[in-house]
Amino acid sequence: MKSPFNLNGKNIVVTGGAGLLGQTFVKSICQAGATAVIAEYDISIAQKAKEELQQTFPNAKIEAVEMNITSKSSIDLAIKTLIKNLGFIDALVNNAYPRNQNYGKVFFDVEYNDFCENLGMNLGGYFLTSQQFSRYFKKRKAGNIINISSIYGVIAPKFEVYDDTEITMPVEYAAIKSGLIHLTKYMSKYLQGTGIRVNTLSPGGILDNQNPRFVKAYNSFCLSKGMLDKEDMTGALLFLLSDASQFLNGQNIIIDDGFTL
């Protein structure tokens, strides 16, 4: 009997697949038996990530495709290319995080144009990519979209964890990630009856050589491990991609070791 968690034969696109979480997602998808597609705005970045992953996992089924999530023509061309090369697409993982050079400033230093540009590139890019993939999924009468949000799309920032550090929680991030969770609900409801389901995965803090003061302060709000490793996200992702979650729709799964409690 086939396990409902089995991903054999599935073709899954991961935007930002060459990034910190993206490469981890790609690796886990391949290990579960599916073909993972690394989608990046620059094909050379996608190709390099593919080559690096296949050096470690030579039997992994990985494809690379160029796709700018803020360009309708780029997305459409990527979809056509993948259908030609793979035959079909089963799922889209919206994981890319485009931002401009002024992203990440403290609240009073954020310019209106930068705020709008970053929301447009990121939340707007997720909308555009989901819209175009949904057109294809609707014709196929089956599809699965997973949006990667954040705990800060769910709760207000705990600004105290950033005290005595050089980082902050950007206001654009809060707007993008909270909007993405509701965009998920909107799409899942709008696409009712099409065979397409849409869910969100919201990670907590991921270890990435952050300031030790920040890590200690962050961990004080958690229940056991504290900040998580990127691999800690893969179980929930594979669940959402599998048939085991076939009746989960419009939901947000939070993985944060209790930080949001």
C-alpha atoms as a PDB file:
ATOM      1  CA  MET A   1       0.000   0.000   0.000  1.00  0.00           C
ATOM      2  CA  LYS A   2       1.385   3.410  -0.991  1.00  0.00           C
ATOM      3  CA  SER A   3       2.109   5.716   1.951  1.00  0.00           C
ATOM      4  CA  PRO A   4       0.177   9.029   1.848  1.00  0.00           C
ATOM      5  CA  PHE A   5       3.490  10.734   2.665  1.00  0.00           C
ATOM      6  CA  ASN A   6       5.143   9.380  -0.487  1.00  0.00           C
ATOM      7  CA  LEU A   7       6.177  12.081  -2.978  1.00  0.00           C
ATOM      8  CA  ASN A   8       7.427   9.729  -5.702  1.00  0.00           C
ATOM      9  CA  GLY A   9       6.573  11.010  -9.158  1.00  0.00           C
ATOM     10  CA  LYS A  10       5.713  14.540  -8.087  1.00  0.00           C
ATOM     11  CA  ASN A  11       7.296  17.634  -9.654  1.00  0.00           C
ATOM     12  CA  ILE A  12       7.616  20.497  -7.174  1.00  0.00           C
ATOM     13  CA  VAL A  13       8.794  24.066  -7.835  1.00  0.00           C
ATOM     14  CA  VAL A  14      10.610  25.979  -5.080  1.00  0.00           C
ATOM     15  CA  THR A  15      11.065  29.698  -5.691  1.00  0.00           C
ATOM     16  CA  GLY A  16      14.237  31.021  -4.098  1.00  0.00           C
ATOM     17  CA  GLY A  17      15.402  27.417  -4.173  1.00  0.00           C
ATOM     18  CA  ALA A  18      19.057  28.397  -3.943  1.00  0.00           C
ATOM     19  CA  GLY A  19      18.644  30.238  -0.627  1.00  0.00           C
ATOM     20  CA  LEU A  20      19.128  29.217   3.009  1.00  0.00           C
ATOM     21  CA  LEU A  21      15.727  27.554   3.414  1.00  0.00           C
ATOM     22  CA  GLY A  22      15.299  26.926  -0.295  1.00  0.00           C
ATOM     23  CA  GLN A  23      18.191  24.501  -0.659  1.00  0.00           C
ATOM     24  CA  THR A  24      17.067  22.637   2.453  1.00  0.00           C
ATOM     25  CA  PHE A  25      13.552  22.353   1.010  1.00  0.00           C
ATOM     26  CA  VAL A  26      14.920  21.127  -2.328  1.00  0.00           C
ATOM     27  CA  LYS A  27      17.063  18.493  -0.631  1.00  0.00           C
ATOM     28  CA  SER A  28      14.176  17.184   1.492  1.00  0.00           C
ATOM     29  CA  ILE A  29      11.827  17.071  -1.506  1.00  0.00           C
ATOM     30  CA  CYS A  30      14.345  14.989  -3.461  1.00  0.00           C
ATOM     31  CA  GLN A  31      14.935  12.671  -0.522  1.00  0.00           C
ATOM     32  CA  ALA A  32      11.168  12.082  -0.406  1.00  0.00           C
ATOM     33  CA  GLY A  33      11.269  10.850  -4.010  1.00  0.00           C
ATOM     34  CA  ALA A  34      10.039  13.889  -5.941  1.00  0.00           C
ATOM     35  CA  THR A  35      11.707  16.053  -8.565  1.00  0.00           C
ATOM     36  CA  ALA A  36      12.576  19.454  -7.112  1.00  0.00           C
ATOM     37  CA  VAL A  37      12.824  22.526  -9.330  1.00  0.00           C
ATOM     38  CA  ILE A  38      15.096  25.346  -8.177  1.00  0.00           C
ATOM     39  CA  ALA A  39      13.488  28.554  -9.472  1.00  0.00           C
ATOM     40  CA  GLU A  40      15.631  31.690  -9.298  1.00  0.00           C
ATOM     41  CA  TYR A  41      15.618  35.109 -10.972  1.00  0.00           C
ATOM     42  CA  ASP A  42      19.103  34.311 -12.322  1.00  0.00           C
ATOM     43  CA  ILE A  43      19.511  30.904 -13.990  1.00  0.00           C
ATOM     44  CA  SER A  44      23.214  30.804 -13.076  1.00  0.00           C
ATOM     45  CA  ILE A  45      22.299  30.920  -9.379  1.00  0.00           C
ATOM     46  CA  ALA A  46      19.846  28.053  -9.845  1.00  0.00           C
ATOM     47  CA  GLN A  47      22.345  26.004 -11.857  1.00  0.00           C
ATOM     48  CA  LYS A  48      25.090  26.486  -9.264  1.00  0.00           C
ATOM     49  CA  ALA A  49      22.800  25.371  -6.433  1.00  0.00           C
ATOM     50  CA  LYS A  50      21.718  22.352  -8.480  1.00  0.00           C
ATOM     51  CA  GLU A  51      25.337  21.316  -9.125  1.00  0.00           C
ATOM     52  CA  GLU A  52      26.301  21.734  -5.464  1.00  0.00           C
ATOM     53  CA  LEU A  53      23.360  19.676  -4.256  1.00  0.00           C
ATOM     54  CA  GLN A  54      23.959  16.909  -6.782  1.00  0.00           C
ATOM     55  CA  GLN A  55      27.589  16.607  -5.680  1.00  0.00           C
ATOM     56  CA  THR A  56      26.290  15.588  -2.266  1.00  0.00           C
ATOM     57  CA  PHE A  57      23.187  13.789  -3.529  1.00  0.00           C
ATOM     58  CA  PRO A  58      24.099  12.406  -6.972  1.00  0.00           C
ATOM     59  CA  ASN A  59      20.821  10.530  -7.382  1.00  0.00           C
ATOM     60  CA  ALA A  60      18.648  13.522  -6.552  1.00  0.00           C
ATOM     61  CA  LYS A  61      16.194  14.607  -9.239  1.00  0.00           C
ATOM     62  CA  ILE A  62      16.750  18.358  -9.518  1.00  0.00           C
ATOM     63  CA  GLU A  63      15.894  20.832 -12.254  1.00  0.00           C
ATOM     64  CA  ALA A  64      16.845  24.497 -12.545  1.00  0.00           C
ATOM     65  CA  VAL A  65      14.720  27.199 -14.133  1.00  0.00           C
ATOM     66  CA  GLU A  66      14.908  30.973 -14.442  1.00  0.00           C
ATOM     67  CA  MET A  67      11.901  32.720 -12.942  1.00  0.00           C
ATOM     68  CA  ASN A  68      11.428  36.282 -11.756  1.00  0.00           C
ATOM     69  CA  ILE A  69       8.415  36.246  -9.438  1.00  0.00           C
ATOM     70  CA  THR A  70       7.645  39.896 -10.253  1.00  0.00           C
ATOM     71  CA  SER A  71       7.410  39.280 -14.010  1.00  0.00           C
ATOM     72  CA  LYS A  72       4.336  37.646 -15.549  1.00  0.00           C
ATOM     73  CA  SER A  73       6.191  36.800 -18.764  1.00  0.00           C
ATOM     74  CA  SER A  74       9.057  35.218 -16.821  1.00  0.00           C
ATOM     75  CA  ILE A  75       6.678  33.094 -14.749  1.00  0.00           C
ATOM     76  CA  ASP A  76       4.698  31.996 -17.805  1.00  0.00           C
ATOM     77  CA  LEU A  77       7.867  31.056 -19.671  1.00  0.00           C
ATOM     78  CA  ALA A  78       9.108  29.046 -16.668  1.00  0.00           C
ATOM     79  CA  ILE A  79       5.808  27.148 -16.487  1.00  0.00           C
ATOM     80  CA  LYS A  80       5.918  26.356 -20.216  1.00  0.00           C
ATOM     81  CA  THR A  81       9.551  25.243 -19.958  1.00  0.00           C
ATOM     82  CA  LEU A  82       8.823  22.939 -17.029  1.00  0.00           C
ATOM     83  CA  ILE A  83       5.784  21.392 -18.699  1.00  0.00           C
ATOM     84  CA  LYS A  84       7.914  20.728 -21.767  1.00  0.00           C
ATOM     85  CA  ASN A  85      10.766  19.216 -19.738  1.00  0.00           C
ATOM     86  CA  LEU A  86       8.834  17.419 -16.998  1.00  0.00           C
ATOM     87  CA  GLY A  87       5.357  16.917 -18.445  1.00  0.00           C
ATOM     88  CA  PHE A  88       3.478  18.463 -15.529  1.00  0.00           C
ATOM     89  CA  ILE A  89       3.817  20.401 -12.267  1.00  0.00           C
ATOM     90  CA  ASP A  90       2.256  19.228  -9.011  1.00  0.00           C
ATOM     91  CA  ALA A  91       3.096  21.945  -6.520  1.00  0.00           C
ATOM     92  CA  LEU A  92       4.554  25.400  -5.962  1.00  0.00           C
ATOM     93  CA  VAL A  93       6.474  26.419  -2.836  1.00  0.00           C
ATOM     94  CA  ASN A  94       6.539  30.230  -2.643  1.00  0.00           C
ATOM     95  CA  ASN A  95       9.793  30.748  -0.785  1.00  0.00           C
ATOM     96  CA  ALA A  96      11.643  33.586  -2.592  1.00  0.00           C
ATOM     97  CA  TYR A  97      12.266  36.840  -0.688  1.00  0.00           C
ATOM     98  CA  PRO A  98      13.126  39.676  -3.097  1.00  0.00           C
ATOM     99  CA  ARG A  99      13.904  43.073  -1.533  1.00  0.00           C
ATOM    100  CA  ASN A 100      15.609  46.301  -2.493  1.00  0.00           C
ATOM    101  CA  GLN A 101      18.897  47.691  -1.185  1.00  0.00           C
ATOM    102  CA  ASN A 102      17.188  49.852   1.455  1.00  0.00           C
ATOM    103  CA  TYR A 103      15.269  46.982   3.041  1.00  0.00           C
ATOM    104  CA  GLY A 104      15.712  46.423   6.779  1.00  0.00           C
ATOM    105  CA  LYS A 105      15.846  49.959   8.179  1.00  0.00           C
ATOM    106  CA  VAL A 106      14.234  50.901  11.486  1.00  0.00           C
ATOM    107  CA  PHE A 107      10.646  52.182  11.323  1.00  0.00           C
ATOM    108  CA  PHE A 108      11.310  55.956  11.205  1.00  0.00           C
ATOM    109  CA  ASP A 109      14.006  55.575   8.563  1.00  0.00           C
ATOM    110  CA  VAL A 110      11.851  53.655   6.070  1.00  0.00           C
ATOM    111  CA  GLU A 111      10.892  55.708   3.035  1.00  0.00           C
ATOM    112  CA  TYR A 112       7.401  55.335   1.571  1.00  0.00           C
ATOM    113  CA  ASN A 113       8.706  54.347  -1.859  1.00  0.00           C
ATOM    114  CA  ASP A 114      10.920  51.637  -0.353  1.00  0.00           C
ATOM    115  CA  PHE A 115       8.019  50.322   1.705  1.00  0.00           C
ATOM    116  CA  CYS A 116       5.812  50.070  -1.372  1.00  0.00           C
ATOM    117  CA  GLU A 117       8.557  48.579  -3.541  1.00  0.00           C
ATOM    118  CA  ASN A 118       9.396  45.846  -1.056  1.00  0.00           C
ATOM    119  CA  LEU A 119       5.752  44.917  -0.540  1.00  0.00           C
ATOM    120  CA  GLY A 120       5.221  44.900  -4.282  1.00  0.00           C
ATOM    121  CA  MET A 121       8.212  42.687  -4.989  1.00  0.00           C
ATOM    122  CA  ASN A 122       7.514  40.219  -2.202  1.00  0.00           C
ATOM    123  CA  LEU A 123       3.802  40.008  -1.409  1.00  0.00           C
ATOM    124  CA  GLY A 124       3.005  41.114  -4.958  1.00  0.00           C
ATOM    125  CA  GLY A 125       5.407  38.519  -6.337  1.00  0.00           C
ATOM    126  CA  TYR A 126       3.741  35.763  -4.311  1.00  0.00           C
ATOM    127  CA  PHE A 127       0.362  36.878  -5.642  1.00  0.00           C
ATOM    128  CA  LEU A 128       1.570  36.948  -9.246  1.00  0.00           C
ATOM    129  CA  THR A 129       3.326  33.589  -9.081  1.00  0.00           C
ATOM    130  CA  SER A 130       0.329  31.972  -7.365  1.00  0.00           C
ATOM    131  CA  GLN A 131      -2.056  33.509  -9.907  1.00  0.00           C
ATOM    132  CA  GLN A 132      -0.139  32.218 -12.921  1.00  0.00           C
ATOM    133  CA  PHE A 133       0.499  28.755 -11.487  1.00  0.00           C
ATOM    134  CA  SER A 134      -3.181  28.561 -10.495  1.00  0.00           C
ATOM    135  CA  ARG A 135      -4.186  29.145 -14.109  1.00  0.00           C
ATOM    136  CA  TYR A 136      -2.186  26.039 -15.008  1.00  0.00           C
ATOM    137  CA  PHE A 137      -3.350  24.043 -11.975  1.00  0.00           C
ATOM    138  CA  LYS A 138      -6.988  24.890 -12.743  1.00  0.00           C
ATOM    139  CA  LYS A 139      -6.665  23.425 -16.236  1.00  0.00           C
ATOM    140  CA  ARG A 140      -5.046  20.340 -14.733  1.00  0.00           C
ATOM    141  CA  LYS A 141      -7.761  20.201 -12.028  1.00  0.00           C
ATOM    142  CA  ALA A 142      -5.113  19.664  -9.360  1.00  0.00           C
ATOM    143  CA  GLY A 143      -2.486  21.796  -7.663  1.00  0.00           C
ATOM    144  CA  ASN A 144      -0.835  22.580  -4.368  1.00  0.00           C
ATOM    145  CA  ILE A 145       0.540  25.967  -3.293  1.00  0.00           C
ATOM    146  CA  ILE A 146       2.547  26.471  -0.093  1.00  0.00           C
ATOM    147  CA  ASN A 147       3.427  29.994   1.001  1.00  0.00           C
ATOM    148  CA  ILE A 148       6.341  30.528   3.365  1.00  0.00           C
ATOM    149  CA  SER A 149       5.365  33.179   5.892  1.00  0.00           C
ATOM    150  CA  SER A 150       6.717  33.755   9.419  1.00  0.00           C
ATOM    151  CA  ILE A 151       5.814  33.952  13.099  1.00  0.00           C
ATOM    152  CA  TYR A 152       5.896  37.725  12.602  1.00  0.00           C
ATOM    153  CA  GLY A 153       2.968  37.354  10.260  1.00  0.00           C
ATOM    154  CA  VAL A 154       1.054  36.046  13.295  1.00  0.00           C
ATOM    155  CA  ILE A 155       2.194  38.123  16.289  1.00  0.00           C
ATOM    156  CA  ALA A 156       3.586  41.588  16.913  1.00  0.00           C
ATOM    157  CA  PRO A 157       7.399  41.758  17.080  1.00  0.00           C
ATOM    158  CA  LYS A 158       9.149  41.181  20.378  1.00  0.00           C
ATOM    159  CA  PHE A 159      11.456  44.144  19.879  1.00  0.00           C
ATOM    160  CA  GLU A 160      13.323  43.437  23.114  1.00  0.00           C
ATOM    161  CA  VAL A 161      15.143  40.514  21.502  1.00  0.00           C
ATOM    162  CA  TYR A 162      16.904  43.030  19.233  1.00  0.00           C
ATOM    163  CA  ASP A 163      18.256  45.201  22.068  1.00  0.00           C
ATOM    164  CA  ASP A 164      22.026  45.802  21.863  1.00  0.00           C
ATOM    165  CA  THR A 165      22.203  44.307  18.361  1.00  0.00           C
ATOM    166  CA  GLU A 166      22.580  45.802  14.900  1.00  0.00           C
ATOM    167  CA  ILE A 167      19.341  44.274  13.585  1.00  0.00           C
ATOM    168  CA  THR A 168      15.638  45.025  13.821  1.00  0.00           C
ATOM    169  CA  MET A 169      12.344  43.498  12.708  1.00  0.00           C
ATOM    170  CA  PRO A 170      11.520  45.424   9.516  1.00  0.00           C
ATOM    171  CA  VAL A 171       8.041  46.898   9.202  1.00  0.00           C
ATOM    172  CA  GLU A 172       7.911  45.659   5.599  1.00  0.00           C
ATOM    173  CA  TYR A 173       8.436  42.104   6.851  1.00  0.00           C
ATOM    174  CA  ALA A 174       5.450  42.336   9.211  1.00  0.00           C
ATOM    175  CA  ALA A 175       3.201  43.677   6.456  1.00  0.00           C
ATOM    176  CA  ILE A 176       4.381  41.116   3.906  1.00  0.00           C
ATOM    177  CA  LYS A 177       4.156  38.053   6.110  1.00  0.00           C
ATOM    178  CA  SER A 178       0.802  38.886   7.715  1.00  0.00           C
ATOM    179  CA  GLY A 179      -0.633  39.765   4.317  1.00  0.00           C
ATOM    180  CA  LEU A 180       0.627  36.483   2.932  1.00  0.00           C
ATOM    181  CA  ILE A 181      -1.266  34.468   5.532  1.00  0.00           C
ATOM    182  CA  HIS A 182      -4.515  36.157   4.587  1.00  0.00           C
ATOM    183  CA  LEU A 183      -3.705  35.898   0.880  1.00  0.00           C
ATOM    184  CA  THR A 184      -3.489  32.144   1.474  1.00  0.00           C
ATOM    185  CA  LYS A 185      -6.980  32.125   2.973  1.00  0.00           C
ATOM    186  CA  TYR A 186      -8.338  34.270   0.165  1.00  0.00           C
ATOM    187  CA  MET A 187      -6.901  32.021  -2.544  1.00  0.00           C
ATOM    188  CA  SER A 188      -7.986  28.784  -0.916  1.00  0.00           C
ATOM    189  CA  LYS A 189     -11.552  30.104  -0.705  1.00  0.00           C
ATOM    190  CA  TYR A 190     -11.568  31.634  -4.190  1.00  0.00           C
ATOM    191  CA  LEU A 191     -10.176  28.458  -5.751  1.00  0.00           C
ATOM    192  CA  GLN A 192     -12.823  26.260  -4.140  1.00  0.00           C
ATOM    193  CA  GLY A 193     -13.814  23.399  -6.418  1.00  0.00           C
ATOM    194  CA  THR A 194     -10.791  23.696  -8.725  1.00  0.00           C
ATOM    195  CA  GLY A 195      -8.679  20.944  -7.150  1.00  0.00           C
ATOM    196  CA  ILE A 196      -6.158  23.522  -5.924  1.00  0.00           C
ATOM    197  CA  ARG A 197      -5.309  23.872  -2.260  1.00  0.00           C
ATOM    198  CA  VAL A 198      -3.283  26.631  -0.638  1.00  0.00           C
ATOM    199  CA  ASN A 199      -1.603  26.590   2.780  1.00  0.00           C
ATOM    200  CA  THR A 200       1.019  28.529   4.707  1.00  0.00           C
ATOM    201  CA  LEU A 201       4.099  27.428   6.647  1.00  0.00           C
ATOM    202  CA  SER A 202       5.317  29.957   9.224  1.00  0.00           C
ATOM    203  CA  PRO A 203       8.813  29.321  10.605  1.00  0.00           C
ATOM    204  CA  GLY A 204      10.195  30.855  13.756  1.00  0.00           C
ATOM    205  CA  GLY A 205      13.762  32.106  13.961  1.00  0.00           C
ATOM    206  CA  ILE A 206      16.302  30.093  11.960  1.00  0.00           C
ATOM    207  CA  LEU A 207      19.913  29.901  13.095  1.00  0.00           C
ATOM    208  CA  ASP A 208      22.198  31.688  10.648  1.00  0.00           C
ATOM    209  CA  ASN A 209      25.226  33.049  12.550  1.00  0.00           C
ATOM    210  CA  GLN A 210      23.215  35.740  14.323  1.00  0.00           C
ATOM    211  CA  ASN A 211      24.484  37.924  17.155  1.00  0.00           C
ATOM    212  CA  PRO A 212      24.776  35.705  20.286  1.00  0.00           C
ATOM    213  CA  ARG A 213      22.935  38.336  22.342  1.00  0.00           C
ATOM    214  CA  PHE A 214      20.003  38.147  19.949  1.00  0.00           C
ATOM    215  CA  VAL A 215      19.994  34.328  20.010  1.00  0.00           C
ATOM    216  CA  LYS A 216      20.048  34.250  23.834  1.00  0.00           C
ATOM    217  CA  ALA A 217      17.227  36.795  24.085  1.00  0.00           C
ATOM    218  CA  TYR A 218      15.175  35.000  21.432  1.00  0.00           C
ATOM    219  CA  ASN A 219      15.673  31.601  23.082  1.00  0.00           C
ATOM    220  CA  SER A 220      14.344  32.928  26.395  1.00  0.00           C
ATOM    221  CA  PHE A 221      10.854  33.014  24.843  1.00  0.00           C
ATOM    222  CA  CYS A 222      10.998  29.408  23.570  1.00  0.00           C
ATOM    223  CA  LEU A 223      10.076  26.151  25.284  1.00  0.00           C
ATOM    224  CA  SER A 224      12.937  23.747  24.538  1.00  0.00           C
ATOM    225  CA  LYS A 225      15.409  24.161  21.676  1.00  0.00           C
ATOM    226  CA  GLY A 226      15.080  27.858  20.978  1.00  0.00           C
ATOM    227  CA  MET A 227      16.070  29.084  17.522  1.00  0.00           C
ATOM    228  CA  LEU A 228      15.657  26.293  15.028  1.00  0.00           C
ATOM    229  CA  ASP A 229      17.831  24.737  12.364  1.00  0.00           C
ATOM    230  CA  LYS A 230      16.615  25.053   8.797  1.00  0.00           C
ATOM    231  CA  GLU A 231      16.109  21.267   8.666  1.00  0.00           C
ATOM    232  CA  ASP A 232      13.456  21.584  11.384  1.00  0.00           C
ATOM    233  CA  MET A 233      11.068  23.014   8.779  1.00  0.00           C
ATOM    234  CA  THR A 234      11.151  20.092   6.371  1.00  0.00           C
ATOM    235  CA  GLY A 235       8.768  17.707   8.127  1.00  0.00           C
ATOM    236  CA  ALA A 236       5.862  20.139   7.926  1.00  0.00           C
ATOM    237  CA  LEU A 237       6.725  21.050   4.338  1.00  0.00           C
ATOM    238  CA  LEU A 238       6.708  17.415   3.220  1.00  0.00           C
ATOM    239  CA  PHE A 239       3.406  16.885   5.033  1.00  0.00           C
ATOM    240  CA  LEU A 240       1.838  19.814   3.162  1.00  0.00           C
ATOM    241  CA  LEU A 241       3.204  18.530  -0.140  1.00  0.00           C
ATOM    242  CA  SER A 242       1.928  14.996   0.434  1.00  0.00           C
ATOM    243  CA  ASP A 243      -1.471  13.391   0.066  1.00  0.00           C
ATOM    244  CA  ALA A 244      -1.533  13.014   3.855  1.00  0.00           C
ATOM    245  CA  SER A 245      -2.646  16.669   3.985  1.00  0.00           C
ATOM    246  CA  GLN A 246      -5.100  16.464   1.070  1.00  0.00           C
ATOM    247  CA  PHE A 247      -7.943  17.974   3.099  1.00  0.00           C
ATOM    248  CA  LEU A 248      -5.852  20.715   4.707  1.00  0.00           C
ATOM    249  CA  ASN A 249      -6.688  23.966   2.961  1.00  0.00           C
ATOM    250  CA  GLY A 250      -6.304  27.641   3.878  1.00  0.00           C
ATOM    251  CA  GLN A 251      -4.341  26.837   7.025  1.00  0.00           C
ATOM    252  CA  ASN A 252      -1.161  28.166   8.621  1.00  0.00           C
ATOM    253  CA  ILE A 253       1.261  25.774  10.327  1.00  0.00           C
ATOM    254  CA  ILE A 254       3.558  27.507  12.833  1.00  0.00           C
ATOM    255  CA  ILE A 255       6.925  25.944  13.741  1.00  0.00           C
ATOM    256  CA  ASP A 256       8.575  28.077  16.409  1.00  0.00           C
ATOM    257  CA  ASP A 257       9.257  26.033  19.573  1.00  0.00           C
ATOM    258  CA  GLY A 258       6.537  28.001  21.326  1.00  0.00           C
ATOM    259  CA  PHE A 259       7.915  31.497  20.633  1.00  0.00           C
ATOM    260  CA  THR A 260       4.450  32.839  19.745  1.00  0.00           C
ATOM    261  CA  LEU A 261       2.812  31.619  22.984  1.00  0.00           C
END
